N, C-alpha and C. Protein backbone atom coordinates (compact mmCIF):
# COMPACT_ATOMS: atom_id res chain seq x y z
N MET A 1 -0.46 1.71 -23.98
CA MET A 1 0.38 2.29 -22.70
C MET A 1 -0.24 1.94 -21.50
N LEU A 2 0.37 1.70 -20.44
CA LEU A 2 0.08 1.17 -19.08
C LEU A 2 0.15 2.35 -18.14
N TYR A 3 -1.29 2.42 -17.75
CA TYR A 3 -1.36 3.63 -16.85
C TYR A 3 -1.27 2.78 -15.31
N VAL A 4 -0.57 3.47 -14.60
CA VAL A 4 -0.45 3.07 -12.94
C VAL A 4 -1.40 4.06 -12.32
N VAL A 5 -2.68 3.60 -11.95
CA VAL A 5 -3.59 4.38 -11.48
C VAL A 5 -3.86 4.09 -9.90
N SER A 6 -3.51 5.26 -9.10
CA SER A 6 -3.79 5.40 -7.65
C SER A 6 -5.35 5.49 -7.37
N THR A 7 -5.73 4.66 -6.64
CA THR A 7 -7.23 4.64 -6.27
C THR A 7 -7.42 4.97 -4.59
N PRO A 8 -8.28 5.32 -4.14
CA PRO A 8 -8.57 5.67 -2.63
C PRO A 8 -8.06 4.47 -1.69
N ILE A 9 -7.51 4.64 -0.61
CA ILE A 9 -7.33 3.85 0.43
C ILE A 9 -8.47 3.50 1.34
N GLY A 10 -9.36 4.30 1.22
CA GLY A 10 -10.63 4.05 2.03
C GLY A 10 -11.68 5.01 1.58
N ASN A 11 -11.71 6.38 1.75
CA ASN A 11 -12.67 7.18 1.18
C ASN A 11 -12.81 7.30 -0.17
N LEU A 12 -14.02 7.00 -0.83
CA LEU A 12 -13.89 6.91 -2.12
C LEU A 12 -13.98 8.47 -2.86
N GLU A 13 -13.90 9.54 -2.10
CA GLU A 13 -13.74 10.73 -2.59
C GLU A 13 -12.23 11.07 -2.86
N ASP A 14 -11.39 10.30 -2.38
CA ASP A 14 -9.93 10.45 -2.58
C ASP A 14 -9.39 10.09 -3.77
N ILE A 15 -9.88 10.40 -5.16
CA ILE A 15 -9.34 9.92 -6.34
C ILE A 15 -9.46 11.08 -7.36
N THR A 16 -8.55 11.48 -8.17
CA THR A 16 -8.51 12.57 -8.82
C THR A 16 -9.21 12.26 -10.16
N LEU A 17 -9.62 13.57 -10.68
CA LEU A 17 -10.26 13.49 -11.91
C LEU A 17 -9.72 13.04 -13.10
N ARG A 18 -8.54 12.98 -13.00
CA ARG A 18 -7.69 12.23 -14.10
C ARG A 18 -7.75 10.73 -13.91
N ALA A 19 -7.83 10.37 -12.69
CA ALA A 19 -7.66 8.84 -12.62
C ALA A 19 -9.01 8.30 -12.94
N ILE A 20 -10.21 8.97 -12.67
CA ILE A 20 -11.32 8.65 -13.04
C ILE A 20 -11.57 8.72 -14.62
N ARG A 21 -10.93 9.66 -15.40
CA ARG A 21 -11.09 9.66 -16.68
C ARG A 21 -10.24 8.54 -17.23
N ILE A 22 -9.21 8.34 -17.03
CA ILE A 22 -8.45 7.24 -17.40
C ILE A 22 -9.12 5.98 -17.15
N LEU A 23 -9.58 5.72 -16.04
CA LEU A 23 -10.31 4.40 -15.71
C LEU A 23 -11.54 4.11 -16.68
N GLY A 24 -12.13 5.31 -17.02
CA GLY A 24 -13.30 5.25 -17.93
C GLY A 24 -12.88 4.90 -19.47
N GLU A 25 -11.70 5.53 -19.78
CA GLU A 25 -11.16 5.49 -21.15
C GLU A 25 -10.21 4.42 -21.57
N ALA A 26 -9.75 3.71 -20.58
CA ALA A 26 -8.91 2.34 -20.67
C ALA A 26 -9.65 1.30 -21.52
N SER A 27 -8.80 0.35 -22.04
CA SER A 27 -9.64 -0.66 -22.90
C SER A 27 -9.73 -1.79 -21.76
N LEU A 28 -8.87 -1.77 -20.74
CA LEU A 28 -8.99 -3.03 -19.70
C LEU A 28 -8.39 -2.59 -18.47
N ILE A 29 -8.96 -2.71 -17.28
CA ILE A 29 -8.41 -2.62 -16.15
C ILE A 29 -7.88 -3.98 -15.33
N ALA A 30 -6.71 -4.00 -14.96
CA ALA A 30 -5.89 -4.87 -14.29
C ALA A 30 -6.29 -4.57 -12.78
N ALA A 31 -7.07 -5.50 -12.29
CA ALA A 31 -7.25 -5.06 -10.77
C ALA A 31 -7.05 -6.40 -9.69
N GLU A 32 -6.26 -6.15 -8.56
CA GLU A 32 -6.00 -7.03 -7.77
C GLU A 32 -7.10 -7.86 -7.31
N ASP A 33 -8.21 -7.32 -7.05
CA ASP A 33 -9.42 -8.04 -6.60
C ASP A 33 -10.63 -7.21 -7.18
N THR A 34 -11.33 -7.88 -8.53
CA THR A 34 -12.05 -7.40 -9.25
C THR A 34 -13.39 -7.02 -8.53
N ARG A 35 -13.70 -7.96 -7.47
CA ARG A 35 -14.87 -7.42 -6.65
C ARG A 35 -14.77 -6.21 -5.93
N HIS A 36 -13.50 -6.19 -5.43
CA HIS A 36 -13.36 -4.74 -4.57
C HIS A 36 -13.46 -3.47 -5.35
N THR A 37 -12.77 -3.69 -6.54
CA THR A 37 -12.47 -2.45 -7.52
C THR A 37 -14.14 -2.12 -8.11
N LYS A 38 -14.67 -3.22 -8.32
CA LYS A 38 -16.29 -2.97 -8.93
C LYS A 38 -16.86 -1.94 -8.15
N LYS A 39 -16.68 -1.91 -6.90
CA LYS A 39 -17.46 -0.83 -6.00
C LYS A 39 -17.04 0.46 -6.19
N LEU A 40 -15.91 0.54 -6.42
CA LEU A 40 -15.18 1.90 -6.89
C LEU A 40 -15.92 2.30 -8.33
N LEU A 41 -15.65 1.44 -9.31
CA LEU A 41 -16.23 1.75 -10.50
C LEU A 41 -17.60 2.01 -10.68
N SER A 42 -18.32 1.26 -9.89
CA SER A 42 -19.86 1.42 -9.77
C SER A 42 -20.12 2.86 -9.24
N HIS A 43 -19.53 3.33 -8.35
CA HIS A 43 -19.50 4.52 -7.52
C HIS A 43 -19.44 5.77 -8.57
N TYR A 44 -18.43 5.71 -9.26
CA TYR A 44 -18.33 6.72 -10.50
C TYR A 44 -18.97 6.33 -11.72
N GLN A 45 -19.51 5.13 -11.89
CA GLN A 45 -20.46 4.83 -13.09
C GLN A 45 -19.33 4.52 -14.44
N ILE A 46 -18.30 3.84 -14.17
CA ILE A 46 -17.35 3.30 -15.12
C ILE A 46 -17.70 2.02 -15.36
N HIS A 47 -17.43 1.75 -16.76
CA HIS A 47 -17.95 0.32 -17.02
C HIS A 47 -16.88 -0.46 -18.05
N THR A 48 -15.85 0.19 -17.73
CA THR A 48 -14.65 -0.63 -18.28
C THR A 48 -14.41 -2.03 -17.86
N PRO A 49 -14.25 -2.88 -18.75
CA PRO A 49 -14.01 -4.51 -18.31
C PRO A 49 -12.81 -4.74 -17.49
N MET A 50 -12.88 -5.51 -16.47
CA MET A 50 -11.61 -5.77 -15.81
C MET A 50 -11.34 -7.05 -15.75
N ILE A 51 -9.97 -7.33 -15.52
CA ILE A 51 -9.53 -8.77 -15.40
C ILE A 51 -8.62 -8.68 -14.14
N SER A 52 -8.51 -10.04 -13.38
CA SER A 52 -7.70 -10.17 -12.07
C SER A 52 -6.18 -10.06 -12.41
N TYR A 53 -5.47 -9.46 -11.41
CA TYR A 53 -4.14 -9.29 -11.56
C TYR A 53 -3.51 -9.24 -10.08
N HIS A 54 -3.08 -10.56 -9.49
CA HIS A 54 -2.70 -10.38 -8.07
C HIS A 54 -1.44 -11.37 -7.86
N GLU A 55 -0.92 -11.43 -6.69
CA GLU A 55 0.25 -12.03 -6.44
C GLU A 55 0.27 -13.65 -6.91
N HIS A 56 -0.75 -14.22 -6.81
CA HIS A 56 -0.85 -15.59 -7.23
C HIS A 56 -1.02 -15.92 -8.85
N ASN A 57 -1.31 -14.97 -9.51
CA ASN A 57 -1.43 -15.41 -11.07
C ASN A 57 -0.75 -14.11 -11.73
N LYS A 58 0.31 -13.40 -11.00
CA LYS A 58 1.05 -12.26 -11.64
C LYS A 58 1.91 -12.79 -12.81
N VAL A 59 2.66 -13.90 -12.63
CA VAL A 59 3.34 -14.43 -13.80
C VAL A 59 2.74 -14.85 -15.12
N LYS A 60 1.68 -15.72 -14.93
CA LYS A 60 0.87 -15.88 -16.31
C LYS A 60 0.28 -14.80 -16.69
N ARG A 61 -0.39 -14.05 -15.86
CA ARG A 61 -1.24 -12.74 -16.30
C ARG A 61 -0.27 -11.76 -16.79
N THR A 62 0.81 -11.45 -16.55
CA THR A 62 1.64 -10.56 -17.01
C THR A 62 1.90 -10.76 -18.54
N SER A 63 2.20 -12.04 -18.86
CA SER A 63 2.61 -12.30 -20.19
C SER A 63 1.16 -12.07 -21.08
N GLN A 64 0.16 -12.18 -20.61
CA GLN A 64 -1.16 -12.04 -21.27
C GLN A 64 -1.39 -10.53 -21.46
N LEU A 65 -1.03 -9.86 -20.47
CA LEU A 65 -1.26 -8.30 -20.39
C LEU A 65 -0.41 -7.72 -21.16
N ILE A 66 1.10 -8.24 -21.18
CA ILE A 66 1.88 -7.61 -22.18
C ILE A 66 1.62 -7.71 -23.71
N GLU A 67 1.00 -8.83 -24.03
CA GLU A 67 0.48 -9.25 -25.30
C GLU A 67 -0.57 -8.21 -25.74
N LYS A 68 -1.48 -8.08 -24.74
CA LYS A 68 -2.65 -7.03 -25.01
C LYS A 68 -2.17 -5.43 -25.31
N LEU A 69 -0.91 -5.39 -24.67
CA LEU A 69 -0.54 -3.88 -24.62
C LEU A 69 0.16 -3.67 -25.85
N LYS A 70 0.99 -4.84 -26.46
CA LYS A 70 1.37 -4.70 -27.65
C LYS A 70 0.53 -4.75 -28.83
N GLU A 71 -0.79 -5.15 -28.86
CA GLU A 71 -1.71 -5.01 -29.63
C GLU A 71 -2.18 -3.75 -29.82
N GLY A 72 -1.75 -2.87 -28.79
CA GLY A 72 -2.41 -1.58 -28.96
C GLY A 72 -3.29 -1.00 -27.84
N LEU A 73 -3.86 -2.08 -26.78
CA LEU A 73 -4.71 -1.65 -25.82
C LEU A 73 -4.12 -0.73 -24.95
N THR A 74 -5.04 -0.16 -24.17
CA THR A 74 -4.56 0.81 -23.06
C THR A 74 -4.99 0.09 -22.03
N LEU A 75 -4.06 -0.15 -20.90
CA LEU A 75 -4.24 -0.82 -19.72
C LEU A 75 -4.43 -0.14 -18.42
N ALA A 76 -5.24 -0.12 -17.73
CA ALA A 76 -5.06 0.69 -16.33
C ALA A 76 -4.88 -0.46 -15.38
N LEU A 77 -3.70 -0.02 -14.29
CA LEU A 77 -3.29 -1.23 -13.44
C LEU A 77 -3.66 -0.62 -12.05
N VAL A 78 -4.63 -1.13 -11.38
CA VAL A 78 -5.11 -0.71 -9.99
C VAL A 78 -4.77 -1.59 -8.79
N THR A 79 -4.61 -1.33 -7.70
CA THR A 79 -4.47 -2.22 -6.49
C THR A 79 -5.80 -2.17 -5.61
N ASP A 80 -5.91 -2.87 -4.63
CA ASP A 80 -7.20 -2.71 -4.07
C ASP A 80 -7.38 -1.23 -3.21
N SER A 81 -6.34 -0.69 -2.96
CA SER A 81 -6.27 0.38 -2.38
C SER A 81 -4.85 1.10 -2.53
N GLY A 82 -4.86 2.53 -2.67
CA GLY A 82 -3.63 3.23 -2.88
C GLY A 82 -3.04 3.16 -4.22
N THR A 83 -1.66 2.96 -4.04
CA THR A 83 -0.94 3.19 -5.34
C THR A 83 -0.33 1.88 -5.85
N PRO A 84 -0.50 1.46 -6.99
CA PRO A 84 -0.15 0.07 -7.36
C PRO A 84 1.55 0.05 -7.31
N GLY A 85 2.23 -1.11 -6.96
CA GLY A 85 3.44 -1.18 -7.24
C GLY A 85 4.14 -1.04 -5.75
N VAL A 86 3.51 -0.34 -4.85
CA VAL A 86 4.01 -0.07 -3.50
C VAL A 86 3.53 -1.41 -2.70
N SER A 87 4.71 -2.44 -2.27
CA SER A 87 4.30 -3.45 -1.55
C SER A 87 3.03 -4.20 -2.33
N ASP A 88 3.22 -4.24 -3.66
CA ASP A 88 2.06 -4.71 -4.51
C ASP A 88 2.66 -5.45 -5.47
N PRO A 89 2.02 -6.54 -6.16
CA PRO A 89 2.54 -7.42 -7.38
C PRO A 89 2.57 -6.67 -8.36
N GLY A 90 1.98 -5.18 -8.66
CA GLY A 90 1.96 -4.45 -9.86
C GLY A 90 3.31 -4.17 -10.30
N PHE A 91 4.22 -4.35 -9.32
CA PHE A 91 5.81 -4.14 -9.61
C PHE A 91 6.21 -4.99 -10.89
N TYR A 92 5.78 -6.19 -10.74
CA TYR A 92 6.14 -7.34 -11.66
C TYR A 92 5.77 -6.87 -13.15
N LEU A 93 4.41 -6.43 -13.18
CA LEU A 93 3.67 -6.08 -14.47
C LEU A 93 4.56 -4.72 -15.07
N ILE A 94 4.90 -3.85 -14.26
CA ILE A 94 5.47 -2.52 -14.42
C ILE A 94 6.97 -2.85 -15.15
N ARG A 95 7.66 -3.77 -14.47
CA ARG A 95 9.12 -4.00 -14.95
C ARG A 95 8.91 -4.56 -16.19
N LYS A 96 8.15 -5.66 -16.35
CA LYS A 96 7.83 -6.36 -17.67
C LYS A 96 7.58 -5.18 -18.82
N ALA A 97 6.62 -4.34 -18.60
CA ALA A 97 6.20 -3.31 -19.62
C ALA A 97 7.56 -2.45 -19.82
N ILE A 98 8.15 -2.09 -18.97
CA ILE A 98 9.44 -1.26 -19.25
C ILE A 98 10.58 -1.98 -20.13
N GLU A 99 10.57 -3.35 -19.78
CA GLU A 99 11.54 -4.18 -20.55
C GLU A 99 11.12 -4.29 -22.09
N GLU A 100 9.66 -4.08 -22.16
CA GLU A 100 9.18 -4.46 -23.42
C GLU A 100 8.95 -2.85 -24.21
N ASN A 101 9.56 -1.93 -23.65
CA ASN A 101 9.61 -0.63 -24.35
C ASN A 101 8.10 -0.12 -24.27
N ILE A 102 7.23 -0.42 -23.49
CA ILE A 102 5.79 -0.09 -23.36
C ILE A 102 5.73 1.24 -22.48
N SER A 103 5.13 2.27 -23.04
CA SER A 103 4.97 3.31 -22.02
C SER A 103 4.18 2.96 -20.83
N VAL A 104 4.91 3.45 -19.74
CA VAL A 104 4.39 3.36 -18.30
C VAL A 104 4.05 4.82 -17.92
N ILE A 105 2.74 5.10 -17.35
CA ILE A 105 2.57 6.46 -17.08
C ILE A 105 1.84 6.40 -15.59
N PRO A 106 2.40 7.37 -14.82
CA PRO A 106 1.74 7.29 -13.41
C PRO A 106 0.49 8.29 -13.44
N ILE A 107 -0.56 7.69 -12.73
CA ILE A 107 -1.68 8.61 -12.42
C ILE A 107 -1.65 8.78 -10.96
N PRO A 108 -0.96 9.79 -10.20
CA PRO A 108 -0.74 9.82 -8.91
C PRO A 108 -2.01 9.94 -8.16
N GLY A 109 -2.03 9.51 -6.76
CA GLY A 109 -2.96 9.88 -5.85
C GLY A 109 -2.69 9.26 -4.61
N ALA A 110 -3.61 8.73 -3.82
CA ALA A 110 -3.48 8.35 -2.52
C ALA A 110 -2.42 7.01 -2.31
N THR A 111 -1.75 7.39 -1.28
CA THR A 111 -0.73 6.28 -0.73
C THR A 111 -0.66 6.23 0.68
N ALA A 112 -0.97 4.93 1.30
CA ALA A 112 -1.05 5.00 2.79
C ALA A 112 0.20 5.24 3.61
N CYS A 113 1.37 4.93 3.08
CA CYS A 113 2.51 5.15 3.78
C CYS A 113 2.76 6.75 3.61
N ILE A 114 2.10 7.41 2.88
CA ILE A 114 2.86 9.10 2.73
C ILE A 114 1.67 9.66 3.69
N ALA A 115 0.31 9.15 3.62
CA ALA A 115 -0.59 9.84 4.26
C ALA A 115 -0.44 9.70 5.98
N ALA A 116 0.24 8.50 6.12
CA ALA A 116 0.66 8.08 7.71
C ALA A 116 1.87 9.08 7.76
N LEU A 117 2.72 9.13 7.09
CA LEU A 117 3.90 9.95 7.28
C LEU A 117 3.61 11.42 7.48
N VAL A 118 2.89 12.16 6.69
CA VAL A 118 2.69 13.42 6.94
C VAL A 118 1.81 13.88 8.17
N THR A 119 1.15 12.66 8.69
CA THR A 119 0.19 13.17 9.92
C THR A 119 0.91 12.57 11.16
N SER A 120 2.02 11.89 11.12
CA SER A 120 2.63 11.33 12.14
C SER A 120 3.35 12.27 13.07
N GLY A 121 3.84 13.34 12.72
CA GLY A 121 4.58 14.23 13.42
C GLY A 121 6.13 13.83 13.42
N CYS A 122 6.50 12.70 12.89
CA CYS A 122 7.64 12.31 12.72
C CYS A 122 8.60 12.99 11.67
N PRO A 123 9.88 13.28 11.51
CA PRO A 123 10.57 14.03 10.45
C PRO A 123 10.03 13.42 9.02
N THR A 124 9.97 14.37 8.27
CA THR A 124 9.59 13.97 6.93
C THR A 124 10.72 13.91 5.67
N ASP A 125 11.85 14.75 6.17
CA ASP A 125 12.95 15.14 5.24
C ASP A 125 13.62 13.73 4.78
N LYS A 126 13.78 13.09 5.51
CA LYS A 126 14.25 11.56 5.14
C LYS A 126 13.61 10.48 6.00
N PHE A 127 13.15 9.51 5.25
CA PHE A 127 12.34 8.49 5.65
C PHE A 127 12.56 7.05 4.80
N LEU A 128 12.44 6.07 5.44
CA LEU A 128 12.79 4.94 4.89
C LEU A 128 11.36 4.07 4.95
N PHE A 129 11.11 3.62 3.64
CA PHE A 129 9.77 2.69 3.55
C PHE A 129 10.33 1.11 3.55
N VAL A 130 9.74 0.38 4.49
CA VAL A 130 10.12 -0.99 4.56
C VAL A 130 8.94 -2.02 3.69
N GLY A 131 7.78 -1.50 3.82
CA GLY A 131 6.70 -2.31 3.49
C GLY A 131 6.57 -3.43 4.56
N PHE A 132 6.26 -4.77 4.32
CA PHE A 132 6.13 -5.59 5.46
C PHE A 132 7.38 -6.33 5.82
N LEU A 133 7.38 -6.70 6.99
CA LEU A 133 8.40 -7.23 7.57
C LEU A 133 8.36 -8.88 7.25
N PRO A 134 9.44 -9.48 7.45
CA PRO A 134 9.37 -11.00 7.22
C PRO A 134 8.44 -11.50 8.32
N VAL A 135 7.77 -12.68 7.99
CA VAL A 135 6.94 -13.20 9.03
C VAL A 135 7.62 -13.96 10.09
N LYS A 136 8.58 -14.78 10.01
CA LYS A 136 9.40 -15.52 10.97
C LYS A 136 9.85 -14.54 12.08
N LYS A 137 9.77 -15.07 13.22
CA LYS A 137 10.35 -13.94 14.46
C LYS A 137 11.70 -13.58 14.12
N GLY A 138 12.50 -14.62 14.19
CA GLY A 138 13.79 -14.49 14.13
C GLY A 138 14.36 -13.38 12.88
N LYS A 139 13.75 -13.56 11.86
CA LYS A 139 14.01 -12.51 10.56
C LYS A 139 13.52 -11.27 11.04
N ARG A 140 12.46 -11.17 11.45
CA ARG A 140 11.70 -9.75 11.88
C ARG A 140 12.58 -9.12 12.80
N LYS A 141 13.09 -9.87 13.97
CA LYS A 141 13.89 -9.14 14.92
C LYS A 141 15.10 -8.78 14.39
N LYS A 142 15.98 -9.53 13.52
CA LYS A 142 16.96 -9.18 12.83
C LYS A 142 16.99 -7.92 12.22
N MET A 143 15.78 -7.84 11.21
CA MET A 143 15.61 -6.65 10.40
C MET A 143 15.35 -5.49 11.41
N LEU A 144 14.49 -5.48 12.49
CA LEU A 144 14.11 -4.49 13.48
C LEU A 144 15.33 -3.97 13.98
N GLN A 145 16.54 -4.80 14.58
CA GLN A 145 17.64 -4.37 15.01
C GLN A 145 18.36 -3.66 14.00
N GLU A 146 18.39 -3.91 12.61
CA GLU A 146 19.07 -3.08 11.78
C GLU A 146 18.35 -1.67 11.44
N LEU A 147 16.97 -1.81 11.47
CA LEU A 147 16.24 -0.58 11.25
C LEU A 147 16.32 0.39 12.23
N ILE A 148 16.55 -0.03 13.75
CA ILE A 148 16.41 0.83 14.74
C ILE A 148 17.90 1.72 14.49
N GLN A 149 18.85 1.25 14.08
CA GLN A 149 20.04 2.12 13.80
C GLN A 149 19.89 3.06 12.92
N CYS A 150 18.97 3.03 11.81
CA CYS A 150 18.83 3.86 10.84
C CYS A 150 18.31 5.45 11.66
N PRO A 151 18.87 6.45 11.10
CA PRO A 151 18.47 7.67 11.95
C PRO A 151 17.25 8.35 11.24
N TYR A 152 16.59 7.72 10.19
CA TYR A 152 15.69 8.49 9.47
C TYR A 152 14.27 7.84 10.05
N THR A 153 13.18 8.26 9.74
CA THR A 153 11.94 7.87 10.10
C THR A 153 11.63 6.47 9.22
N LYS A 154 11.25 5.55 9.88
CA LYS A 154 10.87 3.95 9.20
C LYS A 154 9.51 3.88 9.22
N ILE A 155 9.05 3.39 8.18
CA ILE A 155 7.50 3.27 7.74
C ILE A 155 7.37 1.60 7.35
N ILE A 156 6.41 1.09 8.06
CA ILE A 156 6.14 -0.27 8.10
C ILE A 156 4.69 -0.56 7.87
N TYR A 157 4.35 -1.54 6.86
CA TYR A 157 3.01 -2.15 6.86
C TYR A 157 2.84 -3.23 7.89
N GLU A 158 1.78 -3.26 8.20
CA GLU A 158 1.61 -4.49 9.32
C GLU A 158 -0.03 -4.89 9.36
N SER A 159 0.03 -6.28 9.65
CA SER A 159 -1.45 -6.68 9.86
C SER A 159 -1.95 -6.59 11.41
N PRO A 160 -3.11 -6.63 11.60
CA PRO A 160 -3.79 -6.41 12.90
C PRO A 160 -3.30 -7.39 13.91
N HIS A 161 -3.34 -8.66 13.46
CA HIS A 161 -2.81 -9.71 14.44
C HIS A 161 -1.32 -9.65 14.68
N ARG A 162 -0.32 -8.97 13.97
CA ARG A 162 0.83 -9.20 14.31
C ARG A 162 1.50 -7.82 14.74
N LEU A 163 0.61 -6.68 15.06
CA LEU A 163 1.07 -5.65 15.66
C LEU A 163 1.48 -5.76 16.99
N LEU A 164 0.91 -6.31 17.93
CA LEU A 164 1.38 -6.37 19.28
C LEU A 164 2.70 -6.96 19.34
N THR A 165 2.86 -8.21 18.33
CA THR A 165 4.16 -8.68 18.46
C THR A 165 5.29 -7.81 17.90
N LEU A 166 4.92 -7.04 17.12
CA LEU A 166 5.98 -5.94 16.44
C LEU A 166 6.26 -4.86 17.47
N LEU A 167 5.25 -4.49 18.26
CA LEU A 167 5.67 -3.46 19.36
C LEU A 167 6.46 -4.27 20.48
N GLU A 168 6.19 -5.46 20.67
CA GLU A 168 6.88 -6.08 21.79
C GLU A 168 8.42 -6.25 21.39
N LEU A 169 8.57 -6.70 20.09
CA LEU A 169 9.92 -6.60 19.65
C LEU A 169 10.68 -5.47 19.78
N LEU A 170 10.00 -4.54 19.27
CA LEU A 170 10.52 -3.01 19.22
C LEU A 170 11.11 -2.75 20.70
N ASN A 171 9.91 -2.93 21.65
CA ASN A 171 10.21 -2.77 22.94
C ASN A 171 11.30 -3.46 23.66
N THR A 172 11.75 -4.66 23.16
CA THR A 172 12.88 -5.07 23.85
C THR A 172 14.22 -4.69 23.08
N ILE A 173 14.16 -4.33 21.86
CA ILE A 173 15.26 -3.83 21.26
C ILE A 173 15.59 -2.15 21.61
N ASN A 174 14.67 -1.61 21.84
CA ASN A 174 14.76 -0.02 22.23
C ASN A 174 13.53 0.23 23.09
N SER A 175 13.46 0.23 24.17
CA SER A 175 12.09 0.75 24.95
C SER A 175 11.95 2.24 25.00
N GLY A 176 13.14 3.06 24.51
CA GLY A 176 12.64 4.48 24.40
C GLY A 176 12.45 4.98 23.10
N VAL A 177 12.08 4.10 22.08
CA VAL A 177 11.72 4.55 20.77
C VAL A 177 10.35 5.10 20.88
N ASP A 178 9.95 6.09 19.86
CA ASP A 178 8.86 6.69 19.75
C ASP A 178 8.03 6.08 18.50
N VAL A 179 6.69 5.69 18.74
CA VAL A 179 5.92 5.14 17.66
C VAL A 179 4.73 5.81 17.13
N VAL A 180 4.38 5.72 16.00
CA VAL A 180 3.04 6.10 15.86
C VAL A 180 2.38 4.98 14.92
N VAL A 181 1.27 4.55 15.31
CA VAL A 181 0.29 3.54 14.54
C VAL A 181 -0.67 4.45 13.82
N SER A 182 -0.99 4.25 12.65
CA SER A 182 -1.87 4.89 11.95
C SER A 182 -2.75 3.71 11.22
N ARG A 183 -4.03 3.83 11.70
CA ARG A 183 -4.98 2.71 11.42
C ARG A 183 -6.37 3.06 10.66
N GLU A 184 -6.68 2.32 9.72
CA GLU A 184 -7.83 2.75 8.94
C GLU A 184 -7.78 4.14 8.48
N LEU A 185 -7.00 4.63 7.72
CA LEU A 185 -6.65 6.13 7.40
C LEU A 185 -7.80 6.22 6.40
N THR A 186 -8.35 7.48 6.60
CA THR A 186 -9.33 7.98 5.48
C THR A 186 -10.83 7.35 5.96
N LYS A 187 -10.81 6.31 6.64
CA LYS A 187 -12.18 5.58 6.72
C LYS A 187 -12.94 5.91 8.22
N LYS A 188 -14.02 5.37 8.40
CA LYS A 188 -14.99 5.66 9.60
C LYS A 188 -14.24 5.49 10.98
N PHE A 189 -13.37 4.65 11.12
CA PHE A 189 -12.90 4.40 12.47
C PHE A 189 -11.19 4.61 12.27
N GLU A 190 -10.99 5.72 11.59
CA GLU A 190 -9.68 6.16 11.66
C GLU A 190 -9.10 6.54 12.93
N GLU A 191 -7.49 5.91 13.13
CA GLU A 191 -7.06 6.18 14.34
C GLU A 191 -5.64 6.55 14.27
N ILE A 192 -4.93 7.60 14.89
CA ILE A 192 -3.49 7.65 14.99
C ILE A 192 -3.19 7.92 16.15
N PHE A 193 -2.47 6.83 16.56
CA PHE A 193 -2.04 6.82 18.05
C PHE A 193 -0.67 7.15 18.08
N ARG A 194 0.05 7.98 18.79
CA ARG A 194 1.33 8.21 19.20
C ARG A 194 1.73 8.08 20.54
N GLY A 195 3.06 7.60 20.69
CA GLY A 195 3.75 7.52 22.21
C GLY A 195 4.96 6.75 22.11
N ASN A 196 5.46 6.76 23.32
CA ASN A 196 6.64 5.64 23.44
C ASN A 196 6.07 4.04 23.08
N VAL A 197 7.05 3.29 22.78
CA VAL A 197 6.68 2.03 22.48
C VAL A 197 5.81 1.24 23.38
N GLY A 198 6.10 1.52 24.63
CA GLY A 198 5.30 0.97 25.69
C GLY A 198 4.02 1.31 25.81
N SER A 199 3.75 2.55 25.75
CA SER A 199 2.57 3.01 25.93
C SER A 199 1.63 2.74 24.63
N VAL A 200 2.14 2.59 23.61
CA VAL A 200 1.43 2.53 22.47
C VAL A 200 1.06 0.66 22.54
N TYR A 201 1.97 -0.09 22.97
CA TYR A 201 1.63 -1.33 23.23
C TYR A 201 0.44 -1.48 24.07
N ASN A 202 0.62 -0.77 25.06
CA ASN A 202 -0.65 -0.96 26.49
C ASN A 202 -1.83 -0.57 25.67
N HIS A 203 -1.75 0.45 24.76
CA HIS A 203 -3.11 0.96 24.10
C HIS A 203 -3.56 -0.20 23.21
N PHE A 204 -2.95 -0.83 22.43
CA PHE A 204 -3.53 -1.67 21.70
C PHE A 204 -3.75 -3.18 22.19
N GLN A 205 -3.21 -3.36 23.38
CA GLN A 205 -3.27 -4.33 24.01
C GLN A 205 -4.79 -4.23 24.69
N ASP A 206 -5.07 -3.29 25.19
CA ASP A 206 -6.34 -2.86 25.50
C ASP A 206 -7.66 -2.67 24.58
N ASN A 207 -7.11 -2.25 23.29
CA ASN A 207 -7.96 -2.06 22.04
C ASN A 207 -7.43 -2.81 20.89
N PRO A 208 -7.81 -4.11 20.94
CA PRO A 208 -7.08 -4.79 19.69
C PRO A 208 -7.46 -4.13 18.45
N PRO A 209 -6.38 -4.12 17.63
CA PRO A 209 -6.61 -3.30 16.44
C PRO A 209 -7.20 -4.00 15.36
N ARG A 210 -7.89 -3.41 14.37
CA ARG A 210 -8.53 -3.84 13.05
C ARG A 210 -7.90 -3.10 12.13
N GLY A 211 -8.25 -3.62 10.65
CA GLY A 211 -8.07 -2.73 9.59
C GLY A 211 -6.85 -2.75 9.01
N GLU A 212 -6.37 -1.78 8.15
CA GLU A 212 -5.18 -1.55 7.54
C GLU A 212 -4.36 -0.61 8.71
N ILE A 213 -3.17 -1.14 8.81
CA ILE A 213 -2.11 -0.44 9.65
C ILE A 213 -0.77 -0.03 9.06
N VAL A 214 -0.40 1.06 9.30
CA VAL A 214 0.90 1.70 9.15
C VAL A 214 1.59 2.27 10.54
N VAL A 215 2.84 1.54 10.58
CA VAL A 215 3.67 1.86 11.92
C VAL A 215 4.82 2.81 11.48
N LEU A 216 5.02 3.66 12.28
CA LEU A 216 6.25 4.67 11.96
C LEU A 216 6.89 4.70 13.14
N PHE A 217 8.28 4.72 13.14
CA PHE A 217 9.19 4.81 14.34
C PHE A 217 10.59 5.67 14.04
């Protein structure tokens, strides 16, 4: 069976007892970056062998992992942080496993988008998770124009060097929109900044952002 195992998004204590057990009992762990996951495994004294599984090798690696699963091995899928399959190549392996009638079992835990949502102050009854926007400015603007019409809370993942561009685009589309930027959640320099898009832009123009970023509006 394939276990989809959520791991911490920063603080190593944010992992369930079940996740620790499954990682220890699995035949193999498929990790986005084995060097990154090794830190987590070392912290909890887990010695399960790992194999890399990421965006650039997912097609070839998936066929290998499916064969191992068919042979009876138990596989634990992890991403660098949070829940595999959420804006993550793990989705590809999960879908293929389902097609092959392999049991896929969730081991729930930390997810950056939900952590950001519940601390944002934005409505949580209805929300739309978008993940990463297109890189090209024209496509990004078009998508934002469509999203701004949606009455639900929107959740976006963004990189630090594109945050100001995103906020600037939002400001040109609707200068009255309220924005929350959650940065480095659960980590030492965690920051949650709330305000209208103009004030949020000014804040991060004066304080260049670093780390993992979730934007809500």
